[in-house]
Amino acid sequence: QVQLMESGGGLVQPGGSLRLSCAASGSIFRIYDMGWYRQAPGNQRELVATITSGGSTNYADSLVKGRFTISRDNARSTVYLQMNSLEPEDTAVYYCYTDIQAKMTMRRRNYWGQGTQVTVSS
């Protein structure tokens, strides 16, 4: 069994910052890519950023515009998303995902967090 626990969402004023965290736990053999998606009301879920186990990053540049930074702590099985200069358009539920090979089955698949609400409003 693999679990993802997200934290760090909340209400912030435009121009503010938030840091999201997502920790994986359970019967894990190996963690590959980790990343963040978001979904605003009425919209499809969209990619924000991903990071490989070696630290290579990929961003949805049109969304991030240099404001967000993804990082990970492999020892803690945790991925982070530092979000600066937040705009009302960033309001969404943010979901983390991880590509994990489970220890019990040795099968590899994506796991998703429960989502954390980020609201940018004055």
N, C-alpha and C. Protein backbone atom coordinates (compact mmCIF):
# COMPACT_ATOMS: atom_id res chain seq x y z
N GLN A 1 0.85 -1.20 0.00
CA GLN A 1 0.00 0.00 0.00
C GLN A 1 0.88 1.24 0.00
N VAL A 2 0.53 2.18 -0.88
CA VAL A 2 1.28 3.44 -1.00
C VAL A 2 0.32 4.58 -0.71
N GLN A 3 0.78 5.54 0.06
CA GLN A 3 -0.02 6.72 0.36
C GLN A 3 0.77 7.97 0.03
N LEU A 4 0.04 9.01 -0.41
CA LEU A 4 0.61 10.33 -0.64
C LEU A 4 -0.11 11.31 0.27
N MET A 5 0.64 12.11 1.01
CA MET A 5 0.05 13.09 1.91
C MET A 5 0.51 14.47 1.49
N GLU A 6 -0.44 15.30 1.06
CA GLU A 6 -0.16 16.66 0.65
C GLU A 6 -0.41 17.64 1.79
N SER A 7 0.30 18.75 1.75
CA SER A 7 0.07 19.82 2.71
C SER A 7 0.56 21.13 2.11
N GLY A 8 0.16 22.23 2.73
CA GLY A 8 0.69 23.53 2.37
C GLY A 8 -0.24 24.44 1.62
N GLY A 9 -1.42 23.97 1.23
CA GLY A 9 -2.35 24.85 0.54
C GLY A 9 -2.98 25.86 1.47
N GLY A 10 -3.76 26.78 0.90
CA GLY A 10 -4.43 27.76 1.72
C GLY A 10 -4.82 28.98 0.94
N LEU A 11 -5.17 30.02 1.67
CA LEU A 11 -5.58 31.29 1.09
C LEU A 11 -4.40 32.27 1.17
N VAL A 12 -4.10 32.92 0.05
CA VAL A 12 -3.00 33.87 0.00
C VAL A 12 -3.40 35.04 -0.88
N GLN A 13 -2.87 36.21 -0.57
CA GLN A 13 -3.16 37.39 -1.37
C GLN A 13 -2.34 37.38 -2.66
N PRO A 14 -2.82 38.06 -3.69
CA PRO A 14 -2.03 38.17 -4.92
C PRO A 14 -0.64 38.71 -4.62
N GLY A 15 0.35 38.09 -5.27
CA GLY A 15 1.74 38.45 -5.02
C GLY A 15 2.39 37.66 -3.90
N GLY A 16 1.61 36.89 -3.17
CA GLY A 16 2.12 36.11 -2.06
C GLY A 16 2.75 34.80 -2.50
N SER A 17 3.17 34.01 -1.50
CA SER A 17 3.85 32.75 -1.76
C SER A 17 3.24 31.63 -0.92
N LEU A 18 3.37 30.43 -1.45
CA LEU A 18 3.00 29.21 -0.73
C LEU A 18 3.99 28.12 -1.11
N ARG A 19 4.16 27.18 -0.20
CA ARG A 19 4.99 26.01 -0.48
C ARG A 19 4.18 24.76 -0.23
N LEU A 20 3.99 23.98 -1.27
CA LEU A 20 3.27 22.73 -1.16
C LEU A 20 4.26 21.59 -0.93
N SER A 21 3.81 20.61 -0.15
CA SER A 21 4.62 19.42 0.10
C SER A 21 3.78 18.18 -0.17
N CYS A 22 4.44 17.12 -0.58
CA CYS A 22 3.76 15.85 -0.80
C CYS A 22 4.73 14.73 -0.43
N ALA A 23 4.36 13.97 0.59
CA ALA A 23 5.22 12.91 1.09
C ALA A 23 4.62 11.54 0.74
N ALA A 24 5.43 10.70 0.17
CA ALA A 24 5.01 9.33 -0.15
C ALA A 24 5.45 8.40 0.97
N SER A 25 4.59 7.45 1.28
CA SER A 25 4.91 6.48 2.32
C SER A 25 4.27 5.14 1.99
N GLY A 26 4.72 4.12 2.72
CA GLY A 26 4.15 2.80 2.51
C GLY A 26 5.16 1.83 1.95
N SER A 27 4.64 0.84 1.26
CA SER A 27 5.47 -0.24 0.74
C SER A 27 6.06 0.17 -0.61
N ILE A 28 7.15 0.91 -0.55
CA ILE A 28 7.75 1.50 -1.75
C ILE A 28 9.11 0.87 -2.02
N PHE A 29 9.28 0.41 -3.24
CA PHE A 29 10.59 -0.11 -3.66
C PHE A 29 11.43 1.00 -4.27
N ARG A 30 10.81 1.79 -5.14
CA ARG A 30 11.56 2.86 -5.79
C ARG A 30 10.58 3.94 -6.27
N ILE A 31 11.02 5.21 -6.17
CA ILE A 31 10.24 6.34 -6.67
C ILE A 31 10.94 6.91 -7.89
N TYR A 32 10.22 7.03 -8.97
CA TYR A 32 10.76 7.61 -10.20
C TYR A 32 10.37 9.08 -10.26
N ASP A 33 9.66 9.50 -11.30
CA ASP A 33 9.26 10.90 -11.42
C ASP A 33 8.25 11.29 -10.32
N MET A 34 8.29 12.57 -9.95
CA MET A 34 7.30 13.17 -9.07
C MET A 34 6.86 14.47 -9.72
N GLY A 35 5.67 14.94 -9.35
CA GLY A 35 5.24 16.18 -9.99
C GLY A 35 3.96 16.73 -9.40
N TRP A 36 3.55 17.84 -10.00
CA TRP A 36 2.34 18.54 -9.58
C TRP A 36 1.47 18.86 -10.78
N TYR A 37 0.17 18.65 -10.59
CA TYR A 37 -0.86 19.07 -11.53
C TYR A 37 -1.81 19.98 -10.78
N ARG A 38 -2.64 20.70 -11.52
CA ARG A 38 -3.68 21.49 -10.86
C ARG A 38 -4.95 21.45 -11.69
N GLN A 39 -6.05 21.70 -10.99
CA GLN A 39 -7.35 21.71 -11.66
C GLN A 39 -8.20 22.81 -11.07
N ALA A 40 -8.55 23.77 -11.93
CA ALA A 40 -9.44 24.86 -11.54
C ALA A 40 -10.88 24.47 -11.87
N PRO A 41 -11.85 25.05 -11.19
CA PRO A 41 -13.25 24.70 -11.47
C PRO A 41 -13.61 24.87 -12.94
N GLY A 42 -14.20 23.83 -13.50
CA GLY A 42 -14.61 23.88 -14.89
C GLY A 42 -13.52 23.58 -15.89
N ASN A 43 -12.31 23.37 -15.40
CA ASN A 43 -11.17 23.12 -16.29
C ASN A 43 -10.67 21.69 -16.13
N GLN A 44 -9.91 21.25 -17.12
CA GLN A 44 -9.26 19.95 -17.01
C GLN A 44 -8.02 20.06 -16.13
N ARG A 45 -7.62 18.94 -15.61
CA ARG A 45 -6.38 18.90 -14.82
C ARG A 45 -5.21 19.18 -15.77
N GLU A 46 -4.28 20.04 -15.34
CA GLU A 46 -3.16 20.42 -16.19
C GLU A 46 -1.85 20.29 -15.45
N LEU A 47 -0.82 19.97 -16.21
CA LEU A 47 0.51 19.81 -15.66
C LEU A 47 1.07 21.14 -15.19
N VAL A 48 1.72 21.13 -14.03
CA VAL A 48 2.42 22.30 -13.54
C VAL A 48 3.93 22.09 -13.66
N ALA A 49 4.43 21.00 -13.07
CA ALA A 49 5.87 20.74 -13.09
C ALA A 49 6.13 19.28 -12.72
N THR A 50 7.25 18.77 -13.22
CA THR A 50 7.69 17.42 -12.86
C THR A 50 9.18 17.44 -12.54
N ILE A 51 9.61 16.42 -11.81
CA ILE A 51 11.03 16.29 -11.47
C ILE A 51 11.40 14.82 -11.45
N THR A 52 12.53 14.49 -12.06
CA THR A 52 12.98 13.11 -12.08
C THR A 52 13.71 12.77 -10.78
N SER A 53 14.02 11.50 -10.60
CA SER A 53 14.74 11.08 -9.40
C SER A 53 16.13 11.70 -9.36
N GLY A 54 16.67 12.05 -10.53
CA GLY A 54 17.98 12.68 -10.59
C GLY A 54 17.95 14.18 -10.46
N GLY A 55 16.73 14.75 -10.39
CA GLY A 55 16.61 16.19 -10.18
C GLY A 55 16.34 17.02 -11.42
N SER A 56 16.20 16.38 -12.57
CA SER A 56 15.88 17.14 -13.78
C SER A 56 14.42 17.59 -13.71
N THR A 57 14.20 18.85 -14.10
CA THR A 57 12.87 19.43 -13.95
C THR A 57 12.25 19.80 -15.30
N ASN A 58 10.93 19.83 -15.29
CA ASN A 58 10.17 20.24 -16.46
C ASN A 58 8.99 21.08 -15.98
N TYR A 59 8.80 22.21 -16.59
CA TYR A 59 7.72 23.12 -16.17
C TYR A 59 6.78 23.41 -17.34
N ALA A 60 5.52 23.64 -16.98
CA ALA A 60 4.57 24.18 -17.95
C ALA A 60 4.83 25.69 -17.99
N ASP A 61 5.72 26.08 -18.88
CA ASP A 61 6.22 27.46 -18.86
C ASP A 61 5.11 28.49 -18.98
N SER A 62 4.08 28.17 -19.75
CA SER A 62 3.01 29.15 -19.94
C SER A 62 2.25 29.40 -18.64
N LEU A 63 2.25 28.41 -17.75
CA LEU A 63 1.56 28.58 -16.47
C LEU A 63 2.49 29.17 -15.42
N VAL A 64 3.70 28.67 -15.38
CA VAL A 64 4.62 28.97 -14.29
C VAL A 64 5.29 30.32 -14.47
N LYS A 65 5.74 30.61 -15.67
CA LYS A 65 6.36 31.90 -16.00
C LYS A 65 7.51 32.24 -15.07
N GLY A 66 8.26 31.21 -14.64
CA GLY A 66 9.41 31.44 -13.78
C GLY A 66 9.07 31.69 -12.33
N ARG A 67 7.81 31.53 -11.94
CA ARG A 67 7.40 31.84 -10.57
C ARG A 67 7.44 30.64 -9.63
N PHE A 68 7.35 29.43 -10.20
CA PHE A 68 7.28 28.23 -9.38
C PHE A 68 8.59 27.44 -9.47
N THR A 69 8.93 26.75 -8.39
CA THR A 69 10.10 25.89 -8.36
C THR A 69 9.73 24.55 -7.75
N ILE A 70 10.00 23.47 -8.48
CA ILE A 70 9.78 22.13 -7.97
C ILE A 70 11.09 21.56 -7.46
N SER A 71 11.03 20.84 -6.36
CA SER A 71 12.22 20.19 -5.81
C SER A 71 11.78 18.92 -5.11
N ARG A 72 12.75 18.10 -4.73
CA ARG A 72 12.41 16.86 -4.02
C ARG A 72 13.52 16.50 -3.06
N ASP A 73 13.13 15.77 -2.03
CA ASP A 73 14.06 15.23 -1.05
C ASP A 73 13.90 13.72 -1.12
N ASN A 74 14.82 13.05 -1.78
CA ASN A 74 14.68 11.62 -1.98
C ASN A 74 14.75 10.84 -0.67
N ALA A 75 15.52 11.34 0.28
CA ALA A 75 15.61 10.65 1.57
C ALA A 75 14.29 10.67 2.32
N ARG A 76 13.51 11.71 2.08
CA ARG A 76 12.20 11.85 2.74
C ARG A 76 11.05 11.46 1.81
N SER A 77 11.35 11.03 0.60
CA SER A 77 10.31 10.66 -0.39
C SER A 77 9.28 11.78 -0.54
N THR A 78 9.76 12.99 -0.62
CA THR A 78 8.90 14.17 -0.62
C THR A 78 9.21 15.07 -1.80
N VAL A 79 8.15 15.60 -2.40
CA VAL A 79 8.28 16.58 -3.47
C VAL A 79 7.66 17.89 -2.99
N TYR A 80 8.26 18.98 -3.41
CA TYR A 80 7.82 20.31 -3.00
C TYR A 80 7.50 21.16 -4.23
N LEU A 81 6.63 22.14 -4.03
CA LEU A 81 6.37 23.14 -5.05
C LEU A 81 6.35 24.50 -4.37
N GLN A 82 7.40 25.26 -4.61
CA GLN A 82 7.47 26.64 -4.10
C GLN A 82 6.81 27.55 -5.12
N MET A 83 5.79 28.26 -4.69
CA MET A 83 5.03 29.12 -5.59
C MET A 83 5.15 30.56 -5.12
N ASN A 84 5.71 31.40 -5.96
CA ASN A 84 5.90 32.83 -5.65
C ASN A 84 5.08 33.67 -6.61
N SER A 85 4.89 34.93 -6.25
CA SER A 85 4.16 35.88 -7.11
C SER A 85 2.84 35.28 -7.59
N LEU A 86 2.10 34.74 -6.66
CA LEU A 86 0.85 34.07 -7.01
C LEU A 86 -0.17 35.05 -7.55
N GLU A 87 -0.94 34.54 -8.50
CA GLU A 87 -1.97 35.34 -9.17
C GLU A 87 -3.32 34.67 -8.96
N PRO A 88 -4.41 35.43 -9.05
CA PRO A 88 -5.75 34.81 -8.91
C PRO A 88 -5.95 33.64 -9.87
N GLU A 89 -5.31 33.69 -11.02
CA GLU A 89 -5.44 32.61 -12.01
C GLU A 89 -4.79 31.31 -11.53
N ASP A 90 -3.99 31.37 -10.50
CA ASP A 90 -3.37 30.17 -9.93
C ASP A 90 -4.32 29.43 -8.99
N THR A 91 -5.46 30.00 -8.71
CA THR A 91 -6.43 29.34 -7.84
C THR A 91 -6.88 28.02 -8.43
N ALA A 92 -6.70 26.95 -7.66
CA ALA A 92 -7.01 25.61 -8.15
C ALA A 92 -6.78 24.61 -7.03
N VAL A 93 -7.20 23.38 -7.27
CA VAL A 93 -6.78 22.27 -6.41
C VAL A 93 -5.50 21.71 -7.02
N TYR A 94 -4.46 21.61 -6.21
CA TYR A 94 -3.17 21.13 -6.67
C TYR A 94 -3.00 19.67 -6.22
N TYR A 95 -2.65 18.82 -7.19
CA TYR A 95 -2.48 17.39 -6.94
C TYR A 95 -1.03 17.00 -7.19
N CYS A 96 -0.48 16.25 -6.27
CA CYS A 96 0.84 15.69 -6.54
C CYS A 96 0.68 14.29 -7.11
N TYR A 97 1.66 13.87 -7.85
CA TYR A 97 1.66 12.50 -8.35
C TYR A 97 3.09 11.96 -8.26
N THR A 98 3.17 10.66 -8.14
CA THR A 98 4.47 10.02 -8.14
C THR A 98 4.39 8.74 -8.96
N ASP A 99 5.48 8.44 -9.61
CA ASP A 99 5.63 7.20 -10.38
C ASP A 99 6.40 6.25 -9.47
N ILE A 100 5.71 5.27 -8.92
CA ILE A 100 6.28 4.43 -7.87
C ILE A 100 6.24 2.95 -8.25
N GLN A 101 7.32 2.27 -7.93
CA GLN A 101 7.35 0.81 -8.01
C GLN A 101 7.11 0.29 -6.61
N ALA A 102 6.00 -0.40 -6.43
CA ALA A 102 5.62 -0.89 -5.11
C ALA A 102 6.45 -2.11 -4.73
N LYS A 103 6.76 -2.21 -3.45
CA LYS A 103 7.63 -3.27 -2.96
C LYS A 103 6.96 -4.63 -3.03
N MET A 104 5.68 -4.66 -2.67
CA MET A 104 5.00 -5.95 -2.57
C MET A 104 4.80 -6.60 -3.94
N THR A 105 4.41 -5.80 -4.91
CA THR A 105 4.06 -6.33 -6.23
C THR A 105 5.16 -6.13 -7.26
N MET A 106 6.07 -5.20 -6.97
CA MET A 106 7.12 -4.78 -7.91
C MET A 106 6.52 -4.17 -9.18
N ARG A 107 5.26 -3.78 -9.11
CA ARG A 107 4.62 -3.12 -10.23
C ARG A 107 4.82 -1.61 -10.11
N ARG A 108 4.90 -0.96 -11.24
CA ARG A 108 5.15 0.48 -11.30
C ARG A 108 3.93 1.17 -11.86
N ARG A 109 3.46 2.20 -11.18
CA ARG A 109 2.34 2.98 -11.67
C ARG A 109 2.32 4.35 -11.01
N ASN A 110 1.46 5.24 -11.51
CA ASN A 110 1.29 6.56 -10.92
C ASN A 110 0.34 6.52 -9.73
N TYR A 111 0.70 7.23 -8.69
CA TYR A 111 -0.16 7.42 -7.54
C TYR A 111 -0.45 8.92 -7.42
N TRP A 112 -1.66 9.25 -6.94
CA TRP A 112 -2.08 10.64 -6.82
C TRP A 112 -2.40 11.00 -5.38
N GLY A 113 -2.07 12.25 -5.01
CA GLY A 113 -2.46 12.77 -3.73
C GLY A 113 -3.94 13.15 -3.73
N GLN A 114 -4.43 13.51 -2.56
CA GLN A 114 -5.85 13.84 -2.42
C GLN A 114 -6.19 15.24 -2.91
N GLY A 115 -5.18 16.05 -3.13
CA GLY A 115 -5.38 17.41 -3.58
C GLY A 115 -5.39 18.40 -2.43
N THR A 116 -4.83 19.57 -2.69
CA THR A 116 -4.83 20.63 -1.69
C THR A 116 -5.27 21.92 -2.38
N GLN A 117 -6.18 22.63 -1.74
CA GLN A 117 -6.76 23.85 -2.34
C GLN A 117 -5.81 25.03 -2.17
N VAL A 118 -5.57 25.71 -3.27
CA VAL A 118 -4.84 26.98 -3.25
C VAL A 118 -5.78 28.06 -3.77
N THR A 119 -6.00 29.08 -2.96
CA THR A 119 -6.87 30.19 -3.34
C THR A 119 -6.08 31.48 -3.25
N VAL A 120 -6.04 32.20 -4.36
CA VAL A 120 -5.33 33.47 -4.41
C VAL A 120 -6.37 34.57 -4.58
N SER A 121 -6.52 35.36 -3.53
CA SER A 121 -7.58 36.37 -3.54
C SER A 121 -7.26 37.46 -2.52
N SER A 122 -7.67 38.67 -2.85
CA SER A 122 -7.51 39.77 -1.90
C SER A 122 -8.76 39.94 -1.06
